[in-house]
């Protein structure tokens, strides 16, 4: 059975209107629709450019309720961009974990279980887009830095998840990753 233990380093929420940038909290309550107050909260969401099989705006299941990145992913992106750091809030992440350098490669269907029983399902890689690059360029005040983000973040942007079991996730929690059922 494939199981790994990791630690939650940061818990974050995107609750500022018209911004994907997240801010840190000590914990987040997780419901079946995601994180209350977060910009990705909801059981349904309108289809966008990622779901080419549906007409844009068609309501579909929300498989992007929570985004997760690893400390190791952020280090890799920073290294590739030749920067001192890339912070999870600049990427719009809800959780940053540490101790699992293969997070972005986690297969869809993997389960992430937290100490109180909260359960998330990995829905797949969070593909890089230009918006975090713009934020990073503003933070470092380096012209044209944004163009380096997408190539630097390929296969290192983390994952998106949906909620399988409600609960609370705390900074410092350990999380169990279960993939055995996928074999």
Protein backbone atom coordinates (compact mmCIF):
# COMPACT_ATOMS: atom_id res chain seq x y z
CA UNK A 1 0.00 0.00 0.00
CA UNK A 2 1.35 3.43 -0.97
CA UNK A 3 1.04 5.90 1.89
CA UNK A 4 3.11 8.95 2.71
CA UNK A 5 2.97 11.46 5.55
CA UNK A 6 3.36 15.17 4.95
CA UNK A 7 2.92 18.32 7.05
CA UNK A 8 0.68 21.33 6.42
CA UNK A 9 2.98 24.38 6.52
CA UNK A 10 0.40 27.02 5.62
CA UNK A 11 -3.38 27.26 5.44
CA UNK A 12 -4.67 30.04 3.19
CA UNK A 13 -7.87 31.55 1.78
CA UNK A 14 -8.64 33.68 -1.28
CA UNK A 15 -11.39 35.87 0.16
CA UNK A 16 -10.54 39.26 -1.37
CA UNK A 17 -12.99 40.11 -4.18
CA UNK A 18 -11.49 39.99 -7.69
CA UNK A 19 -8.17 38.57 -6.45
CA UNK A 20 -6.80 35.03 -6.46
CA UNK A 21 -4.05 35.94 -3.98
CA UNK A 22 -4.51 34.08 -0.70
CA UNK A 23 -3.85 35.08 2.89
CA UNK A 24 -2.75 32.89 5.77
CA UNK A 25 -5.03 31.60 8.52
CA UNK A 26 -4.31 29.22 11.42
CA UNK A 27 -7.03 26.84 10.16
CA UNK A 28 -9.81 26.47 7.60
CA UNK A 29 -13.18 24.80 7.86
CA UNK A 30 -13.76 22.59 4.85
CA UNK A 31 -17.26 21.81 3.57
CA UNK A 32 -18.35 19.60 0.67
CA UNK A 33 -18.43 22.77 -1.46
CA UNK A 34 -14.91 23.81 -0.42
CA UNK A 35 -13.74 26.59 1.89
CA UNK A 36 -16.55 29.00 2.85
CA UNK A 37 -15.66 32.50 1.70
CA UNK A 38 -12.96 31.34 -0.73
CA UNK A 39 -13.24 32.39 -4.37
CA UNK A 40 -13.39 28.72 -5.46
CA UNK A 41 -16.18 27.77 -3.03
CA UNK A 42 -19.14 25.92 -4.53
CA UNK A 43 -20.39 22.53 -5.61
CA UNK A 44 -20.78 23.83 -9.16
CA UNK A 45 -18.86 26.29 -11.29
CA UNK A 46 -19.14 27.60 -14.82
CA UNK A 47 -17.07 25.81 -17.46
CA UNK A 48 -14.14 27.85 -18.74
CA UNK A 49 -11.28 27.37 -21.20
CA UNK A 50 -10.08 24.27 -19.30
CA UNK A 51 -13.23 22.28 -20.17
CA UNK A 52 -13.34 22.47 -23.93
CA UNK A 53 -16.08 19.83 -24.21
CA UNK A 54 -18.64 22.16 -22.58
CA UNK A 55 -19.90 25.51 -23.78
CA UNK A 56 -18.25 28.29 -21.74
CA UNK A 57 -20.44 29.15 -18.75
CA UNK A 58 -22.18 25.75 -18.55
CA UNK A 59 -22.48 24.68 -14.89
CA UNK A 60 -20.29 21.69 -14.11
CA UNK A 61 -19.01 19.96 -10.96
CA UNK A 62 -16.41 22.08 -9.15
CA UNK A 63 -13.22 20.01 -9.12
CA UNK A 64 -11.07 23.06 -8.21
CA UNK A 65 -12.40 23.71 -4.69
CA UNK A 66 -8.98 23.65 -3.03
CA UNK A 67 -5.52 24.18 -4.48
CA UNK A 68 -2.42 22.75 -2.85
CA UNK A 69 1.26 23.34 -3.48
CA UNK A 70 4.33 21.95 -1.78
CA UNK A 71 7.20 23.84 -0.22
CA UNK A 72 9.42 21.84 -2.55
CA UNK A 73 7.41 22.99 -5.62
CA UNK A 74 7.77 26.64 -4.56
CA UNK A 75 11.52 26.14 -4.14
CA UNK A 76 11.78 24.65 -7.63
CA UNK A 77 9.83 27.50 -9.23
CA UNK A 78 11.99 30.09 -7.43
CA UNK A 79 15.17 28.29 -8.49
CA UNK A 80 14.05 28.13 -12.13
CA UNK A 81 13.10 31.83 -12.04
CA UNK A 82 16.37 32.71 -10.24
CA UNK A 83 14.46 34.27 -7.31
CA UNK A 84 15.00 34.03 -3.53
CA UNK A 85 11.48 32.64 -3.00
CA UNK A 86 8.04 32.06 -4.47
CA UNK A 87 5.29 32.16 -1.85
CA UNK A 88 2.12 30.02 -1.99
CA UNK A 89 -0.15 33.07 -1.64
CA UNK A 90 1.27 34.48 -4.89
CA UNK A 91 0.14 31.24 -6.56
CA UNK A 92 -3.33 31.41 -5.01
CA UNK A 93 -2.77 28.19 -3.03
CA UNK A 94 -5.07 27.19 -0.15
CA UNK A 95 -2.60 24.75 1.38
CA UNK A 96 1.17 24.50 1.34
CA UNK A 97 2.55 21.17 2.47
CA UNK A 98 6.11 20.10 3.14
CA UNK A 99 7.82 16.73 2.90
CA UNK A 100 6.41 15.47 -0.39
CA UNK A 101 8.33 16.62 -3.46
CA UNK A 102 6.09 14.74 -5.92
CA UNK A 103 2.83 16.55 -5.12
CA UNK A 104 2.27 17.87 -8.65
CA UNK A 105 2.68 14.32 -9.98
CA UNK A 106 0.05 12.85 -7.63
CA UNK A 107 -2.50 10.93 -9.71
CA UNK A 108 -6.12 11.99 -9.92
CA UNK A 109 -8.12 9.99 -7.41
CA UNK A 110 -5.43 10.01 -4.70
CA UNK A 111 -6.88 10.73 -1.26
CA UNK A 112 -5.45 13.21 1.25
CA UNK A 113 -6.62 12.49 4.79
CA UNK A 114 -6.12 14.91 7.70
CA UNK A 115 -6.00 14.10 11.45
CA UNK A 116 -9.70 14.85 12.11
CA UNK A 117 -10.79 12.74 9.13
CA UNK A 118 -11.13 15.59 6.63
CA UNK A 119 -10.74 14.07 3.18
CA UNK A 120 -9.72 15.63 -0.13
CA UNK A 121 -9.57 13.99 -3.55
CA UNK A 122 -6.77 14.97 -5.93
CA UNK A 123 -8.40 16.06 -9.19
CA UNK A 124 -5.08 16.53 -10.98
CA UNK A 125 -2.31 19.01 -11.68
CA UNK A 126 -2.97 22.72 -11.28
CA UNK A 127 -1.70 23.89 -14.64
CA UNK A 128 0.33 27.12 -14.54
CA UNK A 129 -1.22 30.30 -15.91
CA UNK A 130 -0.01 33.88 -16.37
CA UNK A 131 -1.68 35.48 -13.33
CA UNK A 132 0.85 34.35 -10.67
CA UNK A 133 3.62 35.53 -13.00
CA UNK A 134 2.14 39.03 -12.92
CA UNK A 135 2.06 38.98 -9.11
CA UNK A 136 5.65 37.74 -8.88
CA UNK A 137 6.76 40.45 -11.32
CA UNK A 138 5.07 43.11 -9.15
CA UNK A 139 6.57 41.73 -5.91
CA UNK A 140 10.12 41.71 -7.26
CA UNK A 141 9.66 44.77 -9.52
CA UNK A 142 11.56 43.08 -12.35
CA UNK A 143 10.26 43.92 -15.84
CA UNK A 144 9.22 40.93 -18.00
CA UNK A 145 9.61 38.49 -15.10
CA UNK A 146 6.02 37.29 -15.64
CA UNK A 147 6.98 35.51 -18.85
CA UNK A 148 9.27 33.16 -16.91
CA UNK A 149 6.55 31.84 -14.58
CA UNK A 150 4.64 29.40 -16.81
CA UNK A 151 7.76 27.54 -18.04
CA UNK A 152 9.25 27.57 -14.51
CA UNK A 153 6.05 26.22 -12.95
CA UNK A 154 5.42 23.35 -15.39
CA UNK A 155 5.05 20.14 -13.39
CA UNK A 156 5.63 22.13 -10.16
CA UNK A 157 2.39 24.10 -9.63
CA UNK A 158 0.73 21.62 -7.29
CA UNK A 159 -2.73 20.09 -7.50
CA UNK A 160 -6.41 20.95 -7.30
CA UNK A 161 -8.73 18.99 -5.04
CA UNK A 162 -12.39 18.50 -4.26
CA UNK A 163 -13.72 17.78 -0.78
CA UNK A 164 -14.80 14.22 0.02
CA UNK A 165 -15.30 14.61 3.79
CA UNK A 166 -15.86 17.81 5.74
CA UNK A 167 -13.72 18.91 8.67
CA UNK A 168 -11.03 21.39 9.68
CA UNK A 169 -7.45 21.65 8.44
CA UNK A 170 -4.88 23.25 10.74
CA UNK A 171 -1.40 24.59 10.15
CA UNK A 172 0.92 21.89 11.49
CA UNK A 173 -1.43 19.00 10.66
CA UNK A 174 0.02 15.87 9.19
CA UNK A 175 -1.75 14.51 6.15
CA UNK A 176 -1.78 10.99 4.83
CA UNK A 177 -1.65 10.49 1.06
CA UNK A 178 -3.30 7.29 -0.10
CA UNK A 179 -2.87 5.95 -3.62
CA UNK A 180 -3.09 2.18 -3.08
CA UNK A 181 -6.67 2.01 -4.38
CA UNK A 182 -5.47 3.36 -7.74
CA UNK A 183 -3.29 0.32 -8.54
